[in-house]
PDB file of N, CA and C in Angstrom:
ATOM      1  N   MET A   1       2.255   6.508 -16.208  1.00  0.00           N
ATOM      2  CA  MET A   1       1.094   6.178 -15.392  1.00  0.00           C
ATOM      3  C   MET A   1      -0.058   5.652 -16.306  1.00  0.00           C
ATOM      4  N   THR A   2       0.059   6.126 -17.223  1.00  0.00           N
ATOM      5  CA  THR A   2      -1.094   5.927 -18.172  1.00  0.00           C
ATOM      6  C   THR A   2      -0.603   5.225 -19.543  1.00  0.00           C
ATOM      7  N   LYS A   3      -1.580   4.746 -20.217  1.00  0.00           N
ATOM      8  CA  LYS A   3      -1.267   4.253 -21.627  1.00  0.00           C
ATOM      9  C   LYS A   3      -2.301   4.783 -22.525  1.00  0.00           C
ATOM     10  N   GLY A   4      -1.908   5.832 -23.385  1.00  0.00           N
ATOM     11  CA  GLY A   4      -3.062   6.110 -23.988  1.00  0.00           C
ATOM     12  C   GLY A   4      -4.037   6.786 -23.123  1.00  0.00           C
ATOM     13  N   GLY A   5      -3.920   7.467 -21.753  1.00  0.00           N
ATOM     14  CA  GLY A   5      -4.714   8.205 -21.181  1.00  0.00           C
ATOM     15  C   GLY A   5      -5.303   7.118 -20.165  1.00  0.00           C
ATOM     16  N   VAL A   6      -4.986   5.740 -20.283  1.00  0.00           N
ATOM     17  CA  VAL A   6      -5.618   5.271 -19.225  1.00  0.00           C
ATOM     18  C   VAL A   6      -4.561   4.075 -18.468  1.00  0.00           C
ATOM     19  N   MET A   7      -4.634   4.229 -17.372  1.00  0.00           N
ATOM     20  CA  MET A   7      -3.853   3.530 -16.302  1.00  0.00           C
ATOM     21  C   MET A   7      -3.743   2.021 -16.544  1.00  0.00           C
ATOM     22  N   THR A   8      -2.512   1.446 -16.309  1.00  0.00           N
ATOM     23  CA  THR A   8      -2.816   0.128 -16.652  1.00  0.00           C
ATOM     24  C   THR A   8      -2.334  -0.653 -15.462  1.00  0.00           C
ATOM     25  N   LEU A   9      -3.546  -1.276 -14.450  1.00  0.00           N
ATOM     26  CA  LEU A   9      -3.067  -1.894 -13.414  1.00  0.00           C
ATOM     27  C   LEU A   9      -3.352  -3.232 -13.572  1.00  0.00           C
ATOM     28  N   LYS A  10      -2.479  -4.001 -12.724  1.00  0.00           N
ATOM     29  CA  LYS A  10      -2.352  -5.689 -13.086  1.00  0.00           C
ATOM     30  C   LYS A  10      -2.880  -5.694 -11.486  1.00  0.00           C
ATOM     31  N   PHE A  11      -4.002  -6.674 -11.304  1.00  0.00           N
ATOM     32  CA  PHE A  11      -4.427  -7.305 -10.017  1.00  0.00           C
ATOM     33  C   PHE A  11      -3.481  -8.277  -9.516  1.00  0.00           C
ATOM     34  N   LEU A  12      -2.994  -7.979  -8.326  1.00  0.00           N
ATOM     35  CA  LEU A  12      -2.206  -8.893  -7.575  1.00  0.00           C
ATOM     36  C   LEU A  12      -2.758  -9.914  -6.504  1.00  0.00           C
ATOM     37  N   GLY A  13      -3.873  -9.213  -6.075  1.00  0.00           N
ATOM     38  CA  GLY A  13      -4.134 -10.183  -5.021  1.00  0.00           C
ATOM     39  C   GLY A  13      -5.272  -9.418  -3.897  1.00  0.00           C
ATOM     40  N   ILE A  14      -6.133 -10.168  -3.231  1.00  0.00           N
ATOM     41  CA  ILE A  14      -7.007  -9.742  -2.330  1.00  0.00           C
ATOM     42  C   ILE A  14      -7.032 -10.420  -1.197  1.00  0.00           C
ATOM     43  N   ILE A  15      -7.563 -10.044   0.096  1.00  0.00           N
ATOM     44  CA  ILE A  15      -7.304 -10.665   1.349  1.00  0.00           C
ATOM     45  C   ILE A  15      -8.067 -12.158   1.065  1.00  0.00           C
ATOM     46  N   PRO A  16      -7.466 -12.877   1.429  1.00  0.00           N
ATOM     47  CA  PRO A  16      -7.964 -14.567   1.275  1.00  0.00           C
ATOM     48  C   PRO A  16      -9.388 -14.593   1.951  1.00  0.00           C
ATOM     49  N   ASP A  17     -10.466 -15.312   1.453  1.00  0.00           N
ATOM     50  CA  ASP A  17     -11.732 -15.540   2.003  1.00  0.00           C
ATOM     51  C   ASP A  17     -12.265 -14.298   2.463  1.00  0.00           C
ATOM     52  N   THR A  18     -12.259 -13.198   1.425  1.00  0.00           N
ATOM     53  CA  THR A  18     -12.891 -11.945   1.508  1.00  0.00           C
ATOM     54  C   THR A  18     -14.587 -12.264   1.794  1.00  0.00           C
ATOM     55  N   PRO A  19     -15.031 -11.668   2.949  1.00  0.00           N
ATOM     56  CA  PRO A  19     -16.327 -11.662   2.783  1.00  0.00           C
ATOM     57  C   PRO A  19     -17.169 -10.827   1.601  1.00  0.00           C
ATOM     58  N   GLY A  20     -16.729 -10.228   1.257  1.00  0.00           N
ATOM     59  CA  GLY A  20     -17.318  -9.366   0.181  1.00  0.00           C
ATOM     60  C   GLY A  20     -16.687  -7.934  -0.221  1.00  0.00           C
ATOM     61  N   ASN A  21     -17.147  -6.673  -0.042  1.00  0.00           N
ATOM     62  CA  ASN A  21     -16.877  -5.324  -0.494  1.00  0.00           C
ATOM     63  C   ASN A  21     -15.830  -5.009   0.867  1.00  0.00           C
ATOM     64  N   ASN A  22     -14.898  -4.018   0.224  1.00  0.00           N
ATOM     65  CA  ASN A  22     -14.313  -3.297   1.098  1.00  0.00           C
ATOM     66  C   ASN A  22     -13.126  -4.060   1.634  1.00  0.00           C
ATOM     67  N   SER A  23     -12.435  -5.158   0.743  1.00  0.00           N
ATOM     68  CA  SER A  23     -11.416  -5.818   1.147  1.00  0.00           C
ATOM     69  C   SER A  23     -10.048  -5.329   1.186  1.00  0.00           C
ATOM     70  N   PRO A  24      -9.140  -5.484   1.690  1.00  0.00           N
ATOM     71  CA  PRO A  24      -7.662  -4.991   1.076  1.00  0.00           C
ATOM     72  C   PRO A  24      -7.377  -5.721  -0.101  1.00  0.00           C
ATOM     73  N   THR A  25      -6.836  -4.928  -0.933  1.00  0.00           N
ATOM     74  CA  THR A  25      -6.520  -5.237  -2.437  1.00  0.00           C
ATOM     75  C   THR A  25      -5.417  -4.810  -2.876  1.00  0.00           C
ATOM     76  N   ILE A  26      -4.415  -5.218  -3.583  1.00  0.00           N
ATOM     77  CA  ILE A  26      -3.486  -4.785  -4.290  1.00  0.00           C
ATOM     78  C   ILE A  26      -3.215  -5.006  -5.755  1.00  0.00           C
ATOM     79  N   TRP A  27      -2.782  -3.984  -6.414  1.00  0.00           N
ATOM     80  CA  TRP A  27      -2.452  -3.817  -7.900  1.00  0.00           C
ATOM     81  C   TRP A  27      -1.089  -3.430  -8.160  1.00  0.00           C
ATOM     82  N   LEU A  28      -0.646  -3.640  -9.216  1.00  0.00           N
ATOM     83  CA  LEU A  28       0.466  -3.326  -9.645  1.00  0.00           C
ATOM     84  C   LEU A  28       0.163  -2.501 -11.115  1.00  0.00           C
ATOM     85  N   GLU A  29       0.956  -1.022 -10.827  1.00  0.00           N
ATOM     86  CA  GLU A  29       0.910  -0.466 -12.078  1.00  0.00           C
ATOM     87  C   GLU A  29       2.049  -0.391 -13.032  1.00  0.00           C
ATOM     88  N   GLU A  30       1.725  -1.087 -14.000  1.00  0.00           N
ATOM     89  CA  GLU A  30       2.560  -1.832 -14.853  1.00  0.00           C
ATOM     90  C   GLU A  30       3.560  -1.165 -15.470  1.00  0.00           C
ATOM     91  N   GLU A  31       3.288   0.027 -15.880  1.00  0.00           N
ATOM     92  CA  GLU A  31       4.425   1.061 -16.484  1.00  0.00           C
ATOM     93  C   GLU A  31       5.413   1.248 -15.695  1.00  0.00           C
ATOM     94  N   THR A  32       4.771   1.798 -14.180  1.00  0.00           N
ATOM     95  CA  THR A  32       6.011   2.385 -13.206  1.00  0.00           C
ATOM     96  C   THR A  32       6.401   1.420 -12.271  1.00  0.00           C
ATOM     97  N   GLY A  33       5.889   0.202 -11.931  1.00  0.00           N
ATOM     98  CA  GLY A  33       6.101  -0.917 -11.032  1.00  0.00           C
ATOM     99  C   GLY A  33       5.527  -0.347  -9.728  1.00  0.00           C
ATOM    100  N   ASP A  34       4.835   0.621  -9.600  1.00  0.00           N
ATOM    101  CA  ASP A  34       4.217   1.166  -8.325  1.00  0.00           C
ATOM    102  C   ASP A  34       3.186   0.006  -7.882  1.00  0.00           C
ATOM    103  N   LEU A  35       2.976   0.230  -6.480  1.00  0.00           N
ATOM    104  CA  LEU A  35       1.837  -0.667  -5.876  1.00  0.00           C
ATOM    105  C   LEU A  35       0.784   0.127  -5.595  1.00  0.00           C
ATOM    106  N   VAL A  36      -0.467  -0.277  -5.936  1.00  0.00           N
ATOM    107  CA  VAL A  36      -1.564   0.555  -5.601  1.00  0.00           C
ATOM    108  C   VAL A  36      -2.300  -0.211  -4.578  1.00  0.00           C
ATOM    109  N   ILE A  37      -2.383   0.134  -3.217  1.00  0.00           N
ATOM    110  CA  ILE A  37      -2.939  -0.675  -2.195  1.00  0.00           C
ATOM    111  C   ILE A  37      -4.166  -0.212  -1.418  1.00  0.00           C
ATOM    112  N   GLN A  38      -5.155  -0.954  -1.498  1.00  0.00           N
ATOM    113  CA  GLN A  38      -6.486  -0.349  -0.645  1.00  0.00           C
ATOM    114  C   GLN A  38      -6.412  -1.357   0.611  1.00  0.00           C
ATOM    115  N   SER A  39      -6.430  -0.642   1.584  1.00  0.00           N
ATOM    116  CA  SER A  39      -6.599  -1.196   3.055  1.00  0.00           C
ATOM    117  C   SER A  39      -7.134  -0.337   4.002  1.00  0.00           C
ATOM    118  N   TYR A  40      -7.005  -0.603   5.033  1.00  0.00           N
ATOM    119  CA  TYR A  40      -7.562  -0.012   6.216  1.00  0.00           C
ATOM    120  C   TYR A  40      -6.972   1.123   6.733  1.00  0.00           C
ATOM    121  N   THR A  41      -7.351   2.189   7.006  1.00  0.00           N
ATOM    122  CA  THR A  41      -6.976   3.554   7.508  1.00  0.00           C
ATOM    123  C   THR A  41      -6.347   2.991   8.905  1.00  0.00           C
ATOM    124  N   ALA A  42      -5.126   3.575   9.151  1.00  0.00           N
ATOM    125  CA  ALA A  42      -4.247   3.336  10.250  1.00  0.00           C
ATOM    126  C   ALA A  42      -4.924   3.942  11.605  1.00  0.00           C
ATOM    127  N   ASP A  43      -5.043   3.521  12.550  1.00  0.00           N
ATOM    128  CA  ASP A  43      -5.840   4.397  13.579  1.00  0.00           C
ATOM    129  C   ASP A  43      -4.639   5.406  14.302  1.00  0.00           C
ATOM    130  N   SER A  44      -4.845   6.170  15.100  1.00  0.00           N
ATOM    131  CA  SER A  44      -4.187   6.983  15.828  1.00  0.00           C
ATOM    132  C   SER A  44      -3.145   6.793  16.500  1.00  0.00           C
ATOM    133  N   ALA A  45      -3.513   5.499  17.027  1.00  0.00           N
ATOM    134  CA  ALA A  45      -2.586   4.967  18.239  1.00  0.00           C
ATOM    135  C   ALA A  45      -1.349   4.508  17.183  1.00  0.00           C
ATOM    136  N   THR A  46      -1.672   3.967  15.735  1.00  0.00           N
ATOM    137  CA  THR A  46      -0.650   3.222  15.262  1.00  0.00           C
ATOM    138  C   THR A  46       0.149   4.432  14.733  1.00  0.00           C
ATOM    139  N   VAL A  47      -0.715   5.496  14.207  1.00  0.00           N
ATOM    140  CA  VAL A  47       0.219   6.928  13.545  1.00  0.00           C
ATOM    141  C   VAL A  47       1.028   7.250  14.463  1.00  0.00           C
ATOM    142  N   GLN A  48       0.617   7.320  15.574  1.00  0.00           N
ATOM    143  CA  GLN A  48       1.502   7.882  17.045  1.00  0.00           C
ATOM    144  C   GLN A  48       2.557   7.228  17.089  1.00  0.00           C
ATOM    145  N   GLU A  49       2.528   5.850  16.971  1.00  0.00           N
ATOM    146  CA  GLU A  49       3.713   4.878  17.233  1.00  0.00           C
ATOM    147  C   GLU A  49       4.522   5.074  15.938  1.00  0.00           C
ATOM    148  N   ALA A  50       4.244   5.095  14.993  1.00  0.00           N
ATOM    149  CA  ALA A  50       5.101   5.179  13.783  1.00  0.00           C
ATOM    150  C   ALA A  50       5.968   6.375  13.869  1.00  0.00           C
ATOM    151  N   GLN A  51       5.122   7.469  14.480  1.00  0.00           N
ATOM    152  CA  GLN A  51       5.798   9.005  14.635  1.00  0.00           C
ATOM    153  C   GLN A  51       7.023   8.640  15.591  1.00  0.00           C
ATOM    154  N   ARG A  52       6.673   8.021  16.565  1.00  0.00           N
ATOM    155  CA  ARG A  52       7.431   8.272  17.737  1.00  0.00           C
ATOM    156  C   ARG A  52       8.927   7.247  17.306  1.00  0.00           C
ATOM    157  N   VAL A  53       8.632   6.218  16.537  1.00  0.00           N
ATOM    158  CA  VAL A  53       9.789   5.458  15.996  1.00  0.00           C
ATOM    159  C   VAL A  53      10.514   6.303  15.254  1.00  0.00           C
ATOM    160  N   GLY A  54       9.815   6.898  14.064  1.00  0.00           N
ATOM    161  CA  GLY A  54      10.430   7.750  12.991  1.00  0.00           C
ATOM    162  C   GLY A  54      11.022   6.519  11.970  1.00  0.00           C
ATOM    163  N   SER A  55      11.945   7.345  10.791  1.00  0.00           N
ATOM    164  CA  SER A  55      12.345   6.486  10.279  1.00  0.00           C
ATOM    165  C   SER A  55      13.989   6.852  10.069  1.00  0.00           C
ATOM    166  N   ILE A  56      14.426   7.743   9.255  1.00  0.00           N
ATOM    167  CA  ILE A  56      15.790   8.264   8.892  1.00  0.00           C
ATOM    168  C   ILE A  56      15.949   9.035   9.751  1.00  0.00           C
ATOM    169  N   PRO A  57      17.201   9.760   9.968  1.00  0.00           N
ATOM    170  CA  PRO A  57      17.358  11.115  10.629  1.00  0.00           C
ATOM    171  C   PRO A  57      17.299  12.222   9.982  1.00  0.00           C
ATOM    172  N   GLY A  58      16.469  13.169  10.349  1.00  0.00           N
ATOM    173  CA  GLY A  58      16.171  14.363   9.719  1.00  0.00           C
ATOM    174  C   GLY A  58      15.070  14.278   8.978  1.00  0.00           C
ATOM    175  N   HIS A  59      14.327  13.317   8.939  1.00  0.00           N
ATOM    176  CA  HIS A  59      13.175  13.167   8.124  1.00  0.00           C
ATOM    177  C   HIS A  59      11.895  13.376   9.015  1.00  0.00           C
ATOM    178  N   GLY A  60      11.012  14.113   8.722  1.00  0.00           N
ATOM    179  CA  GLY A  60       9.729  14.307   9.424  1.00  0.00           C
ATOM    180  C   GLY A  60       8.879  13.326   9.844  1.00  0.00           C
ATOM    181  N   THR A  61       8.156  13.227  10.762  1.00  0.00           N
ATOM    182  CA  THR A  61       7.198  12.281  10.884  1.00  0.00           C
ATOM    183  C   THR A  61       5.897  12.501  10.696  1.00  0.00           C
ATOM    184  N   ASP A  62       5.493  13.793  10.549  1.00  0.00           N
ATOM    185  CA  ASP A  62       3.876  14.263   9.956  1.00  0.00           C
ATOM    186  C   ASP A  62       3.695  13.651   8.582  1.00  0.00           C
ATOM    187  N   ILE A  63       2.216  13.361   8.569  1.00  0.00           N
ATOM    188  CA  ILE A  63       2.067  12.687   7.286  1.00  0.00           C
ATOM    189  C   ILE A  63       1.131  13.704   6.383  1.00  0.00           C
ATOM    190  N   PRO A  64       2.225  14.229   5.373  1.00  0.00           N
ATOM    191  CA  PRO A  64       1.565  15.297   4.568  1.00  0.00           C
ATOM    192  C   PRO A  64       0.169  14.900   4.066  1.00  0.00           C
ATOM    193  N   PRO A  65      -0.523  16.115   3.782  1.00  0.00           N
ATOM    194  CA  PRO A  65      -2.064  16.069   3.187  1.00  0.00           C
ATOM    195  C   PRO A  65      -2.142  15.126   1.960  1.00  0.00           C
ATOM    196  N   HIS A  66      -1.149  15.122   1.069  1.00  0.00           N
ATOM    197  CA  HIS A  66      -1.161  14.001  -0.224  1.00  0.00           C
ATOM    198  C   HIS A  66      -1.086  12.953   0.247  1.00  0.00           C
ATOM    199  N   GLU A  67      -0.535  12.189   1.632  1.00  0.00           N
ATOM    200  CA  GLU A  67      -0.134  10.976   1.647  1.00  0.00           C
ATOM    201  C   GLU A  67      -1.190  10.452   2.981  1.00  0.00           C
ATOM    202  N   SER A  68      -1.194   8.999   3.058  1.00  0.00           N
ATOM    203  CA  SER A  68      -2.182   8.081   3.909  1.00  0.00           C
ATOM    204  C   SER A  68      -1.490   7.159   4.570  1.00  0.00           C
ATOM    205  N   MET A  69      -1.433   6.823   5.860  1.00  0.00           N
ATOM    206  CA  MET A  69      -0.919   5.687   6.276  1.00  0.00           C
ATOM    207  C   MET A  69      -2.210   4.682   6.470  1.00  0.00           C
ATOM    208  N   ILE A  70      -1.813   3.492   6.092  1.00  0.00           N
ATOM    209  CA  ILE A  70      -2.648   2.458   6.062  1.00  0.00           C
ATOM    210  C   ILE A  70      -2.148   1.136   7.009  1.00  0.00           C
ATOM    211  N   ARG A  71      -2.855   0.203   7.596  1.00  0.00           N
ATOM    212  CA  ARG A  71      -2.468  -1.027   7.799  1.00  0.00           C
ATOM    213  C   ARG A  71      -3.094  -2.269   6.934  1.00  0.00           C
ATOM    214  N   LEU A  72      -2.028  -2.890   6.419  1.00  0.00           N
ATOM    215  CA  LEU A  72      -2.054  -4.097   5.562  1.00  0.00           C
ATOM    216  C   LEU A  72      -2.162  -5.343   6.350  1.00  0.00           C
ATOM    217  N   PRO A  73      -3.030  -5.949   6.275  1.00  0.00           N
ATOM    218  CA  PRO A  73      -2.857  -7.208   7.072  1.00  0.00           C
ATOM    219  C   PRO A  73      -2.074  -8.333   6.683  1.00  0.00           C
ATOM    220  N   ALA A  74      -1.144  -8.823   7.702  1.00  0.00           N
ATOM    221  CA  ALA A  74      -0.111  -9.854   7.510  1.00  0.00           C
ATOM    222  C   ALA A  74      -0.270 -10.601   6.350  1.00  0.00           C
ATOM    223  N   VAL A  75      -1.428 -11.163   6.164  1.00  0.00           N
ATOM    224  CA  VAL A  75      -1.745 -12.358   5.279  1.00  0.00           C
ATOM    225  C   VAL A  75      -1.723 -11.588   3.830  1.00  0.00           C
ATOM    226  N   MET A  76      -1.688 -10.248   3.763  1.00  0.00           N
ATOM    227  CA  MET A  76      -1.312  -9.462   2.398  1.00  0.00           C
ATOM    228  C   MET A  76       0.012  -9.743   1.874  1.00  0.00           C
ATOM    229  N   ARG A  77       0.936 -10.011   2.795  1.00  0.00           N
ATOM    230  CA  ARG A  77       2.257  -9.797   2.619  1.00  0.00           C
ATOM    231  C   ARG A  77       2.736 -10.836   1.406  1.00  0.00           C
ATOM    232  N   GLN A  78       2.005 -11.807   1.230  1.00  0.00           N
ATOM    233  CA  GLN A  78       2.388 -13.014   0.124  1.00  0.00           C
ATOM    234  C   GLN A  78       1.992 -11.767  -1.028  1.00  0.00           C
ATOM    235  N   PHE A  79       1.322 -11.096  -1.551  1.00  0.00           N
ATOM    236  CA  PHE A  79       1.408 -10.403  -2.645  1.00  0.00           C
ATOM    237  C   PHE A  79       2.335  -9.310  -2.931  1.00  0.00           C
ATOM    238  N   LEU A  80       3.172  -8.722  -1.733  1.00  0.00           N
ATOM    239  CA  LEU A  80       4.260  -7.859  -2.095  1.00  0.00           C
ATOM    240  C   LEU A  80       5.049  -8.356  -2.933  1.00  0.00           C
ATOM    241  N   LEU A  81       5.946  -7.774  -3.669  1.00  0.00           N
ATOM    242  CA  LEU A  81       7.164  -8.017  -4.384  1.00  0.00           C
ATOM    243  C   LEU A  81       8.375  -8.000  -3.511  1.00  0.00           C
ATOM    244  N   GLY A  82       9.189  -8.955  -3.834  1.00  0.00           N
ATOM    245  CA  GLY A  82      10.456  -8.986  -3.017  1.00  0.00           C
ATOM    246  C   GLY A  82      11.679  -8.102  -4.210  1.00  0.00           C
ATOM    247  N   PRO A  83      12.908  -7.931  -3.478  1.00  0.00           N
ATOM    248  CA  PRO A  83      13.656  -7.279  -4.450  1.00  0.00           C
ATOM    249  C   PRO A  83      14.114  -8.163  -5.651  1.00  0.00           C
ATOM    250  N   GLY A  84      13.981  -7.402  -6.668  1.00  0.00           N
ATOM    251  CA  GLY A  84      14.398  -8.220  -7.990  1.00  0.00           C
ATOM    252  C   GLY A  84      12.905  -8.750  -8.454  1.00  0.00           C
ATOM    253  N   GLU A  85      11.882  -9.036  -7.925  1.00  0.00           N
ATOM    254  CA  GLU A  85      11.015  -9.952  -8.233  1.00  0.00           C
ATOM    255  C   GLU A  85      10.015  -8.846  -9.319  1.00  0.00           C
ATOM    256  N   SER A  86       9.273  -9.367 -10.220  1.00  0.00           N
ATOM    257  CA  SER A  86       8.448  -8.685 -11.017  1.00  0.00           C
ATOM    258  C   SER A  86       7.351  -9.702 -11.100  1.00  0.00           C
ATOM    259  N   ALA A  87       5.923  -8.913 -11.484  1.00  0.00           N
ATOM    260  CA  ALA A  87       4.840  -9.702 -11.433  1.00  0.00           C
ATOM    261  C   ALA A  87       4.517 -10.065 -12.910  1.00  0.00           C
TER     262      ALA A  87
END
């Protein structure tokens, strides 16, 4: 995750026509390929619906203390990488 003690992030995109600060933003951690995302915290209704829908059988739906659920605006999908793509 670091290069000489410094994380190497590459800016991928920010919400178009952003009015200023606090806008959803996506970066790529170049060494690991991880995406780092700043976005809106999911509200309780979204969290409850995700828990109701679930994911794979046998997998819990509670959000662990070290994780967060966020809501990424649809317009930001253009910055997500598809299978086999690299930035």
